[in-house]
PDB file of N, CA and C in Angstrom:
ATOM      1  N   UNK A   1     116.097 150.157  79.739  1.00  0.00           N
ATOM      2  CA  UNK A   1     115.243 149.127  79.493  1.00  0.00           C
ATOM      3  C   UNK A   1     115.566 148.705  80.889  1.00  0.00           C
ATOM      4  N   UNK A   2     115.187 148.950  81.929  1.00  0.00           N
ATOM      5  CA  UNK A   2     115.425 147.617  83.103  1.00  0.00           C
ATOM      6  C   UNK A   2     115.383 146.847  83.273  1.00  0.00           C
ATOM      7  N   UNK A   3     116.649 146.212  83.644  1.00  0.00           N
ATOM      8  CA  UNK A   3     117.001 144.496  83.962  1.00  0.00           C
ATOM      9  C   UNK A   3     116.094 143.596  83.697  1.00  0.00           C
ATOM     10  N   UNK A   4     115.126 143.928  84.592  1.00  0.00           N
ATOM     11  CA  UNK A   4     114.171 142.214  85.109  1.00  0.00           C
ATOM     12  C   UNK A   4     113.228 142.405  83.779  1.00  0.00           C
ATOM     13  N   UNK A   5     112.569 143.526  82.762  1.00  0.00           N
ATOM     14  CA  UNK A   5     111.909 143.742  81.967  1.00  0.00           C
ATOM     15  C   UNK A   5     112.491 142.943  80.892  1.00  0.00           C
ATOM     16  N   UNK A   6     113.828 142.511  80.478  1.00  0.00           N
ATOM     17  CA  UNK A   6     113.932 142.464  79.551  1.00  0.00           C
ATOM     18  C   UNK A   6     114.403 140.963  79.798  1.00  0.00           C
ATOM     19  N   UNK A   7     113.991 140.238  80.402  1.00  0.00           N
ATOM     20  CA  UNK A   7     113.854 138.799  80.154  1.00  0.00           C
ATOM     21  C   UNK A   7     112.403 138.317  80.168  1.00  0.00           C
ATOM     22  N   UNK A   8     111.396 139.326  79.893  1.00  0.00           N
ATOM     23  CA  UNK A   8     110.032 138.898  79.122  1.00  0.00           C
ATOM     24  C   UNK A   8     109.684 138.951  77.892  1.00  0.00           C
ATOM     25  N   UNK A   9     109.314 138.127  77.244  1.00  0.00           N
ATOM     26  CA  UNK A   9     109.531 137.843  75.778  1.00  0.00           C
ATOM     27  C   UNK A   9     108.405 139.158  75.610  1.00  0.00           C
ATOM     28  N   UNK A  10     107.537 139.624  76.451  1.00  0.00           N
ATOM     29  CA  UNK A  10     106.128 139.935  75.555  1.00  0.00           C
ATOM     30  C   UNK A  10     106.437 141.582  75.684  1.00  0.00           C
ATOM     31  N   UNK A  11     107.083 141.910  77.077  1.00  0.00           N
ATOM     32  CA  UNK A  11     107.980 142.729  77.306  1.00  0.00           C
ATOM     33  C   UNK A  11     108.726 143.796  76.468  1.00  0.00           C
ATOM     34  N   UNK A  12     109.442 142.983  75.922  1.00  0.00           N
ATOM     35  CA  UNK A  12     110.756 143.235  74.979  1.00  0.00           C
ATOM     36  C   UNK A  12     109.868 143.706  73.481  1.00  0.00           C
ATOM     37  N   UNK A  13     109.157 142.526  73.093  1.00  0.00           N
ATOM     38  CA  UNK A  13     108.649 142.371  71.849  1.00  0.00           C
ATOM     39  C   UNK A  13     107.779 143.689  71.671  1.00  0.00           C
ATOM     40  N   UNK A  14     106.852 144.038  72.017  1.00  0.00           N
ATOM     41  CA  UNK A  14     106.062 145.185  72.914  1.00  0.00           C
ATOM     42  C   UNK A  14     107.147 146.734  72.827  1.00  0.00           C
ATOM     43  N   UNK A  15     108.366 146.666  73.169  1.00  0.00           N
ATOM     44  CA  UNK A  15     109.033 147.844  73.180  1.00  0.00           C
ATOM     45  C   UNK A  15     109.600 147.877  71.996  1.00  0.00           C
ATOM     46  N   UNK A  16     109.734 147.025  71.379  1.00  0.00           N
ATOM     47  CA  UNK A  16     110.171 146.927  70.276  1.00  0.00           C
ATOM     48  C   UNK A  16     109.364 147.571  69.379  1.00  0.00           C
ATOM     49  N   UNK A  17     108.015 147.058  69.288  1.00  0.00           N
ATOM     50  CA  UNK A  17     107.016 147.596  68.412  1.00  0.00           C
ATOM     51  C   UNK A  17     106.833 148.690  68.658  1.00  0.00           C
ATOM     52  N   UNK A  18     106.317 149.381  70.019  1.00  0.00           N
ATOM     53  CA  UNK A  18     106.940 151.032  70.078  1.00  0.00           C
ATOM     54  C   UNK A  18     107.589 151.733  69.229  1.00  0.00           C
ATOM     55  N   UNK A  19     109.385 151.683  69.667  1.00  0.00           N
ATOM     56  CA  UNK A  19     110.170 151.916  68.910  1.00  0.00           C
ATOM     57  C   UNK A  19     110.307 151.960  67.429  1.00  0.00           C
ATOM     58  N   UNK A  20     110.019 150.574  66.706  1.00  0.00           N
ATOM     59  CA  UNK A  20     109.888 150.842  65.838  1.00  0.00           C
ATOM     60  C   UNK A  20     108.625 151.685  65.049  1.00  0.00           C
ATOM     61  N   UNK A  21     107.758 152.201  65.848  1.00  0.00           N
ATOM     62  CA  UNK A  21     106.576 152.274  65.113  1.00  0.00           C
ATOM     63  C   UNK A  21     107.395 154.430  65.358  1.00  0.00           C
ATOM     64  N   UNK A  22     108.492 154.681  66.054  1.00  0.00           N
ATOM     65  CA  UNK A  22     108.450 156.098  66.405  1.00  0.00           C
ATOM     66  C   UNK A  22     109.850 156.275  65.599  1.00  0.00           C
ATOM     67  N   UNK A  23     110.164 154.654  64.497  1.00  0.00           N
ATOM     68  CA  UNK A  23     111.524 155.271  64.516  1.00  0.00           C
ATOM     69  C   UNK A  23     112.700 154.942  64.481  1.00  0.00           C
ATOM     70  N   UNK A  24     112.569 154.533  65.992  1.00  0.00           N
ATOM     71  CA  UNK A  24     113.735 153.909  66.528  1.00  0.00           C
ATOM     72  C   UNK A  24     114.664 153.183  66.016  1.00  0.00           C
ATOM     73  N   UNK A  25     114.957 153.162  65.262  1.00  0.00           N
ATOM     74  CA  UNK A  25     115.760 150.918  64.651  1.00  0.00           C
ATOM     75  C   UNK A  25     116.563 151.044  65.500  1.00  0.00           C
ATOM     76  N   UNK A  26     117.371 151.868  66.297  1.00  0.00           N
ATOM     77  CA  UNK A  26     118.778 151.400  67.025  1.00  0.00           C
ATOM     78  C   UNK A  26     118.313 151.003  67.875  1.00  0.00           C
ATOM     79  N   UNK A  27     117.413 151.307  68.719  1.00  0.00           N
ATOM     80  CA  UNK A  27     117.275 151.290  69.988  1.00  0.00           C
ATOM     81  C   UNK A  27     116.562 149.521  69.868  1.00  0.00           C
ATOM     82  N   UNK A  28     115.669 149.479  68.991  1.00  0.00           N
ATOM     83  CA  UNK A  28     114.634 148.256  69.091  1.00  0.00           C
ATOM     84  C   UNK A  28     115.774 147.225  68.180  1.00  0.00           C
ATOM     85  N   UNK A  29     116.367 147.634  67.647  1.00  0.00           N
ATOM     86  CA  UNK A  29     117.822 146.572  67.240  1.00  0.00           C
ATOM     87  C   UNK A  29     118.978 146.220  68.440  1.00  0.00           C
ATOM     88  N   UNK A  30     118.825 147.033  69.666  1.00  0.00           N
ATOM     89  CA  UNK A  30     119.396 146.365  70.312  1.00  0.00           C
ATOM     90  C   UNK A  30     118.760 145.416  71.688  1.00  0.00           C
ATOM     91  N   UNK A  31     117.669 146.160  72.008  1.00  0.00           N
ATOM     92  CA  UNK A  31     116.921 145.128  72.262  1.00  0.00           C
ATOM     93  C   UNK A  31     116.757 144.014  71.619  1.00  0.00           C
ATOM     94  N   UNK A  32     116.235 144.173  70.446  1.00  0.00           N
ATOM     95  CA  UNK A  32     116.127 142.590  69.503  1.00  0.00           C
ATOM     96  C   UNK A  32     117.188 141.342  69.855  1.00  0.00           C
ATOM     97  N   UNK A  33     118.820 141.995  69.571  1.00  0.00           N
ATOM     98  CA  UNK A  33     120.098 141.124  69.954  1.00  0.00           C
ATOM     99  C   UNK A  33     119.920 140.647  71.543  1.00  0.00           C
ATOM    100  N   UNK A  34     119.416 141.635  72.306  1.00  0.00           N
ATOM    101  CA  UNK A  34     119.410 141.091  73.666  1.00  0.00           C
ATOM    102  C   UNK A  34     118.570 139.571  74.254  1.00  0.00           C
ATOM    103  N   UNK A  35     117.576 139.662  73.377  1.00  0.00           N
ATOM    104  CA  UNK A  35     116.289 138.282  73.670  1.00  0.00           C
ATOM    105  C   UNK A  35     116.460 137.311  72.873  1.00  0.00           C
ATOM    106  N   UNK A  36     117.302 136.236  74.023  1.00  0.00           N
ATOM    107  CA  UNK A  36     117.587 135.122  73.445  1.00  0.00           C
ATOM    108  C   UNK A  36     116.984 134.428  73.335  1.00  0.00           C
ATOM    109  N   UNK A  37     115.421 134.142  73.277  1.00  0.00           N
ATOM    110  CA  UNK A  37     114.579 132.959  73.445  1.00  0.00           C
ATOM    111  C   UNK A  37     114.440 133.967  72.127  1.00  0.00           C
ATOM    112  N   UNK A  38     113.903 134.189  70.629  1.00  0.00           N
ATOM    113  CA  UNK A  38     113.266 134.934  70.258  1.00  0.00           C
ATOM    114  C   UNK A  38     112.087 133.618  69.431  1.00  0.00           C
ATOM    115  N   UNK A  39     110.875 134.389  69.181  1.00  0.00           N
ATOM    116  CA  UNK A  39     109.643 133.582  68.256  1.00  0.00           C
ATOM    117  C   UNK A  39     109.392 134.760  67.149  1.00  0.00           C
ATOM    118  N   UNK A  40     108.553 134.373  66.513  1.00  0.00           N
ATOM    119  CA  UNK A  40     107.840 135.120  64.920  1.00  0.00           C
ATOM    120  C   UNK A  40     107.468 135.854  65.526  1.00  0.00           C
ATOM    121  N   UNK A  41     106.483 136.323  66.979  1.00  0.00           N
ATOM    122  CA  UNK A  41     106.030 137.511  66.449  1.00  0.00           C
ATOM    123  C   UNK A  41     107.098 138.814  67.138  1.00  0.00           C
ATOM    124  N   UNK A  42     108.504 138.008  67.219  1.00  0.00           N
ATOM    125  CA  UNK A  42     109.493 138.834  67.953  1.00  0.00           C
ATOM    126  C   UNK A  42     110.237 139.118  66.686  1.00  0.00           C
ATOM    127  N   UNK A  43     110.153 138.500  65.608  1.00  0.00           N
ATOM    128  CA  UNK A  43     110.591 138.751  64.417  1.00  0.00           C
ATOM    129  C   UNK A  43     110.037 139.970  63.638  1.00  0.00           C
ATOM    130  N   UNK A  44     108.636 139.559  63.519  1.00  0.00           N
ATOM    131  CA  UNK A  44     107.364 140.354  63.560  1.00  0.00           C
ATOM    132  C   UNK A  44     107.432 141.988  63.425  1.00  0.00           C
ATOM    133  N   UNK A  45     107.304 142.388  65.087  1.00  0.00           N
ATOM    134  CA  UNK A  45     108.099 143.148  65.808  1.00  0.00           C
ATOM    135  C   UNK A  45     108.377 144.176  64.658  1.00  0.00           C
ATOM    136  N   UNK A  46     110.131 143.530  64.288  1.00  0.00           N
ATOM    137  CA  UNK A  46     111.016 143.866  63.974  1.00  0.00           C
ATOM    138  C   UNK A  46     110.809 144.136  62.378  1.00  0.00           C
ATOM    139  N   UNK A  47     109.911 143.697  61.730  1.00  0.00           N
ATOM    140  CA  UNK A  47     110.453 143.938  60.566  1.00  0.00           C
ATOM    141  C   UNK A  47     109.021 144.853  59.945  1.00  0.00           C
ATOM    142  N   UNK A  48     108.142 145.194  60.864  1.00  0.00           N
ATOM    143  CA  UNK A  48     107.454 146.459  60.824  1.00  0.00           C
ATOM    144  C   UNK A  48     108.195 147.484  60.811  1.00  0.00           C
TER     145      UNK A  48
END
């Protein structure tokens, strides 16, 4: 994922949600760890 997209929580959370739906947990975790200001929606995307 390009660096300028990683700074946007909405884009990162949507990407995490998509990756989790496809079963790519490792990539989703990597993006999750790169988010500095996580909110409950971001955590919810990881739990799915």
